[in-house]
């Protein structure tokens, strides 16, 4: 029990450090930033709005708050989610929560870097690819709950549907993540937003259709019986 508690404390410390990394980076380059910096980019990753550099602090604060909220929620589902079984292993959810914190921290660093006025959409795509691949790797082991995963009426109704859907989702998202990374190097910057919409559509539609098909087959089987 002591080792378990110590391990969790270390994890929380690492999470806290990750949340602060973008702020440390911003503090490091603060003096070299102009008063007015890019605060918004269009689909081609060209700056289309400028603002005071103090806005960066607000942006990072919101990002960190959201990241921390998601981490605390996912690592404490047994207290807030009646569907989450208290006797099941919390490790898959903890790994997913930690992955999301790392991603949000990396996005924070990219946002700070963008204050110099140049950012490549390919960097964002690589991060998204890594995120989807990591989620795909962990999501296959997540058990039924109301907060994370493919939460459809059919998956929440049937444990078998949930498990099979998430097994497929894991594979699709891992390959989808790899497609994000590879695709970002094969298409022009102008096509990145279109590639994003196509890939996200595939990642959402395929598990949904598969889950619904499992549901209809189960219903037919019940009627036949």
Protein backbone atom coordinates (compact mmCIF):
# COMPACT_ATOMS: atom_id res chain seq x y z
CA UNK A 1 0.00 0.00 0.00
CA UNK A 2 2.85 2.37 0.89
CA UNK A 3 4.58 1.73 -2.44
CA UNK A 4 1.30 2.33 -4.26
CA UNK A 5 0.77 5.66 -2.52
CA UNK A 6 4.39 6.67 -3.14
CA UNK A 7 4.01 5.84 -6.82
CA UNK A 8 0.90 7.98 -7.09
CA UNK A 9 2.63 10.89 -5.36
CA UNK A 10 5.48 10.70 -7.88
CA UNK A 11 2.96 10.64 -10.74
CA UNK A 12 1.22 13.72 -9.38
CA UNK A 13 4.55 15.52 -9.05
CA UNK A 14 5.44 14.67 -12.66
CA UNK A 15 2.02 15.88 -13.80
CA UNK A 16 2.55 19.15 -11.92
CA UNK A 17 5.92 19.63 -13.61
CA UNK A 18 4.44 18.92 -17.03
CA UNK A 19 1.72 21.51 -16.44
CA UNK A 20 4.37 24.10 -15.58
CA UNK A 21 6.72 23.39 -18.50
CA UNK A 22 4.96 25.83 -20.92
CA UNK A 23 5.07 28.55 -18.26
CA UNK A 24 8.80 27.98 -17.69
CA UNK A 25 9.39 28.20 -21.43
CA UNK A 26 7.36 31.40 -21.67
CA UNK A 27 9.27 32.94 -18.76
CA UNK A 28 12.55 31.99 -20.44
CA UNK A 29 11.74 33.78 -23.72
CA UNK A 30 9.57 36.56 -22.25
CA UNK A 31 12.21 39.27 -22.55
CA UNK A 32 12.86 38.52 -26.21
CA UNK A 33 9.19 38.71 -27.23
CA UNK A 34 7.74 41.86 -28.79
CA UNK A 35 4.81 43.55 -27.07
CA UNK A 36 2.43 42.44 -29.83
CA UNK A 37 2.55 38.76 -30.77
CA UNK A 38 0.44 36.44 -32.95
CA UNK A 39 -2.41 35.00 -30.88
CA UNK A 40 -4.39 33.24 -33.62
CA UNK A 41 -3.53 31.37 -36.82
CA UNK A 42 -5.64 30.42 -39.84
CA UNK A 43 -5.91 26.97 -41.41
CA UNK A 44 -2.62 27.56 -43.27
CA UNK A 45 -0.91 28.37 -39.96
CA UNK A 46 -0.49 32.03 -40.90
CA UNK A 47 -1.06 34.60 -38.10
CA UNK A 48 -4.35 36.45 -38.59
CA UNK A 49 -4.72 38.18 -35.21
CA UNK A 50 -2.22 39.88 -32.90
CA UNK A 51 -2.47 40.81 -29.25
CA UNK A 52 -0.49 41.72 -26.15
CA UNK A 53 1.96 39.05 -25.06
CA UNK A 54 0.24 38.92 -21.66
CA UNK A 55 -2.59 37.04 -23.44
CA UNK A 56 -0.22 34.11 -23.62
CA UNK A 57 -0.33 33.76 -19.85
CA UNK A 58 -4.13 33.61 -19.92
CA UNK A 59 -4.11 31.04 -22.71
CA UNK A 60 -1.66 28.79 -20.91
CA UNK A 61 -3.60 29.15 -17.65
CA UNK A 62 -6.83 28.00 -19.29
CA UNK A 63 -5.03 25.13 -21.03
CA UNK A 64 -3.43 23.99 -17.78
CA UNK A 65 -6.70 24.23 -15.86
CA UNK A 66 -8.51 22.08 -18.43
CA UNK A 67 -5.65 19.59 -18.46
CA UNK A 68 -5.61 19.35 -14.66
CA UNK A 69 -9.40 19.00 -14.50
CA UNK A 70 -9.38 16.12 -17.01
CA UNK A 71 -6.51 14.41 -15.16
CA UNK A 72 -8.24 14.64 -11.78
CA UNK A 73 -11.54 13.47 -13.24
CA UNK A 74 -10.15 10.44 -15.09
CA UNK A 75 -8.03 9.32 -12.14
CA UNK A 76 -10.97 9.54 -9.73
CA UNK A 77 -13.79 8.02 -11.77
CA UNK A 78 -14.57 5.52 -9.03
CA UNK A 79 -15.90 8.42 -6.94
CA UNK A 80 -18.03 10.16 -9.59
CA UNK A 81 -19.06 7.52 -12.14
CA UNK A 82 -21.68 4.96 -11.01
CA UNK A 83 -20.88 2.75 -14.02
CA UNK A 84 -17.16 2.58 -13.27
CA UNK A 85 -16.42 -0.57 -11.28
CA UNK A 86 -14.42 0.25 -8.16
CA UNK A 87 -12.70 -3.13 -8.17
CA UNK A 88 -11.26 -2.78 -11.69
CA UNK A 89 -7.68 -1.73 -12.36
CA UNK A 90 -7.29 2.06 -12.55
CA UNK A 91 -4.06 1.79 -14.58
CA UNK A 92 -5.55 2.12 -18.11
CA UNK A 93 -7.42 5.27 -17.12
CA UNK A 94 -4.40 6.68 -15.30
CA UNK A 95 -2.20 6.08 -18.36
CA UNK A 96 -4.79 7.76 -20.58
CA UNK A 97 -5.01 10.75 -18.22
CA UNK A 98 -1.21 11.06 -18.10
CA UNK A 99 -1.02 10.89 -21.90
CA UNK A 100 -3.53 13.73 -22.21
CA UNK A 101 -1.50 15.86 -19.78
CA UNK A 102 1.65 15.30 -21.83
CA UNK A 103 -0.18 16.24 -25.00
CA UNK A 104 -1.64 19.42 -23.51
CA UNK A 105 1.78 20.38 -22.17
CA UNK A 106 3.31 19.87 -25.62
CA UNK A 107 0.55 21.97 -27.17
CA UNK A 108 1.31 24.67 -24.61
CA UNK A 109 4.97 24.67 -25.66
CA UNK A 110 3.93 24.91 -29.33
CA UNK A 111 1.61 27.83 -28.50
CA UNK A 112 4.46 29.67 -26.77
CA UNK A 113 6.77 28.93 -29.70
CA UNK A 114 4.14 30.36 -32.06
CA UNK A 115 4.59 33.74 -30.36
CA UNK A 116 7.68 34.16 -32.53
CA UNK A 117 5.28 34.39 -35.49
CA UNK A 118 5.99 31.12 -37.25
CA UNK A 119 4.62 27.64 -36.68
CA UNK A 120 4.35 24.59 -38.88
CA UNK A 121 1.06 22.78 -39.13
CA UNK A 122 3.08 19.61 -39.51
CA UNK A 123 4.24 19.91 -35.90
CA UNK A 124 0.63 19.99 -34.72
CA UNK A 125 -0.20 17.00 -36.94
CA UNK A 126 2.69 14.98 -35.54
CA UNK A 127 1.48 15.72 -32.01
CA UNK A 128 -2.07 14.76 -32.94
CA UNK A 129 -0.81 11.57 -34.53
CA UNK A 130 1.11 10.63 -31.41
CA UNK A 131 -1.92 11.45 -29.27
CA UNK A 132 -4.35 9.33 -31.28
CA UNK A 133 -1.89 6.44 -31.41
CA UNK A 134 -1.36 6.61 -27.65
CA UNK A 135 -5.10 6.80 -26.95
CA UNK A 136 -5.63 3.86 -29.29
CA UNK A 137 -3.05 1.86 -27.38
CA UNK A 138 -4.68 2.50 -24.00
CA UNK A 139 -8.37 2.69 -24.94
CA UNK A 140 -8.69 -1.03 -25.67
CA UNK A 141 -8.29 -1.77 -21.95
CA UNK A 142 -10.76 0.84 -20.67
CA UNK A 143 -13.86 -0.60 -19.03
CA UNK A 144 -17.42 0.82 -19.37
CA UNK A 145 -17.84 4.31 -17.93
CA UNK A 146 -19.71 7.53 -18.65
CA UNK A 147 -16.70 9.82 -19.16
CA UNK A 148 -14.07 8.29 -21.46
CA UNK A 149 -14.18 6.03 -24.48
CA UNK A 150 -16.74 5.34 -27.21
CA UNK A 151 -19.80 6.19 -25.11
CA UNK A 152 -22.72 5.24 -27.33
CA UNK A 153 -26.11 3.91 -26.21
CA UNK A 154 -25.13 0.46 -27.52
CA UNK A 155 -21.71 0.31 -25.87
CA UNK A 156 -23.07 1.52 -22.54
CA UNK A 157 -25.87 -1.05 -22.70
CA UNK A 158 -23.68 -4.07 -23.41
CA UNK A 159 -20.31 -4.92 -21.89
CA UNK A 160 -19.58 -7.22 -24.85
CA UNK A 161 -20.35 -4.42 -27.30
CA UNK A 162 -18.14 -2.03 -25.32
CA UNK A 163 -15.19 -4.43 -25.24
CA UNK A 164 -15.36 -5.37 -28.93
CA UNK A 165 -15.87 -1.76 -30.02
CA UNK A 166 -12.88 -0.58 -28.01
CA UNK A 167 -10.69 -3.40 -29.28
CA UNK A 168 -11.40 -2.24 -32.83
CA UNK A 169 -11.12 1.43 -31.88
CA UNK A 170 -7.67 0.83 -30.45
CA UNK A 171 -6.43 -0.59 -33.74
CA UNK A 172 -8.15 2.07 -35.87
CA UNK A 173 -6.84 4.95 -33.77
CA UNK A 174 -3.30 3.61 -33.67
CA UNK A 175 -3.25 3.34 -37.46
CA UNK A 176 -5.06 6.65 -37.72
CA UNK A 177 -2.40 8.31 -35.60
CA UNK A 178 0.30 6.94 -37.87
CA UNK A 179 -1.67 8.26 -40.85
CA UNK A 180 -1.70 11.73 -39.27
CA UNK A 181 2.08 11.73 -39.00
CA UNK A 182 2.74 10.28 -42.46
CA UNK A 183 0.05 12.33 -44.16
CA UNK A 184 1.39 15.58 -42.76
CA UNK A 185 4.57 15.01 -44.76
CA UNK A 186 2.80 14.04 -47.97
CA UNK A 187 0.33 16.90 -48.47
CA UNK A 188 0.78 20.65 -48.72
CA UNK A 189 0.06 23.03 -45.85
CA UNK A 190 -3.10 24.14 -47.65
CA UNK A 191 -4.42 20.56 -47.56
CA UNK A 192 -3.66 19.83 -43.91
CA UNK A 193 -7.06 20.99 -42.64
CA UNK A 194 -8.85 18.79 -45.21
CA UNK A 195 -6.69 15.82 -44.27
CA UNK A 196 -7.54 16.46 -40.63
CA UNK A 197 -11.29 16.40 -41.28
CA UNK A 198 -11.07 13.21 -43.34
CA UNK A 199 -8.98 11.33 -40.79
CA UNK A 200 -11.05 12.45 -37.80
CA UNK A 201 -14.18 11.44 -39.69
CA UNK A 202 -12.76 7.94 -40.20
CA UNK A 203 -11.71 7.65 -36.54
CA UNK A 204 -15.22 8.55 -35.39
CA UNK A 205 -17.39 6.86 -38.02
CA UNK A 206 -15.70 3.44 -38.17
CA UNK A 207 -16.10 2.60 -34.43
CA UNK A 208 -19.63 4.03 -34.41
CA UNK A 209 -20.80 1.96 -37.40
CA UNK A 210 -19.08 -1.15 -36.05
CA UNK A 211 -20.69 -0.72 -32.63
CA UNK A 212 -24.14 -0.20 -34.14
CA UNK A 213 -23.73 -3.28 -36.33
CA UNK A 214 -22.86 -5.35 -33.27
CA UNK A 215 -25.99 -3.99 -31.60
CA UNK A 216 -28.27 -4.89 -34.53
CA UNK A 217 -26.79 -8.39 -34.81
CA UNK A 218 -27.31 -8.91 -31.08
CA UNK A 219 -30.94 -7.80 -31.34
CA UNK A 220 -31.55 -10.13 -34.29
CA UNK A 221 -29.99 -12.97 -32.35
CA UNK A 222 -32.25 -12.29 -29.37
CA UNK A 223 -35.36 -12.22 -31.58
CA UNK A 224 -34.33 -15.45 -33.29
CA UNK A 225 -33.92 -17.13 -29.93
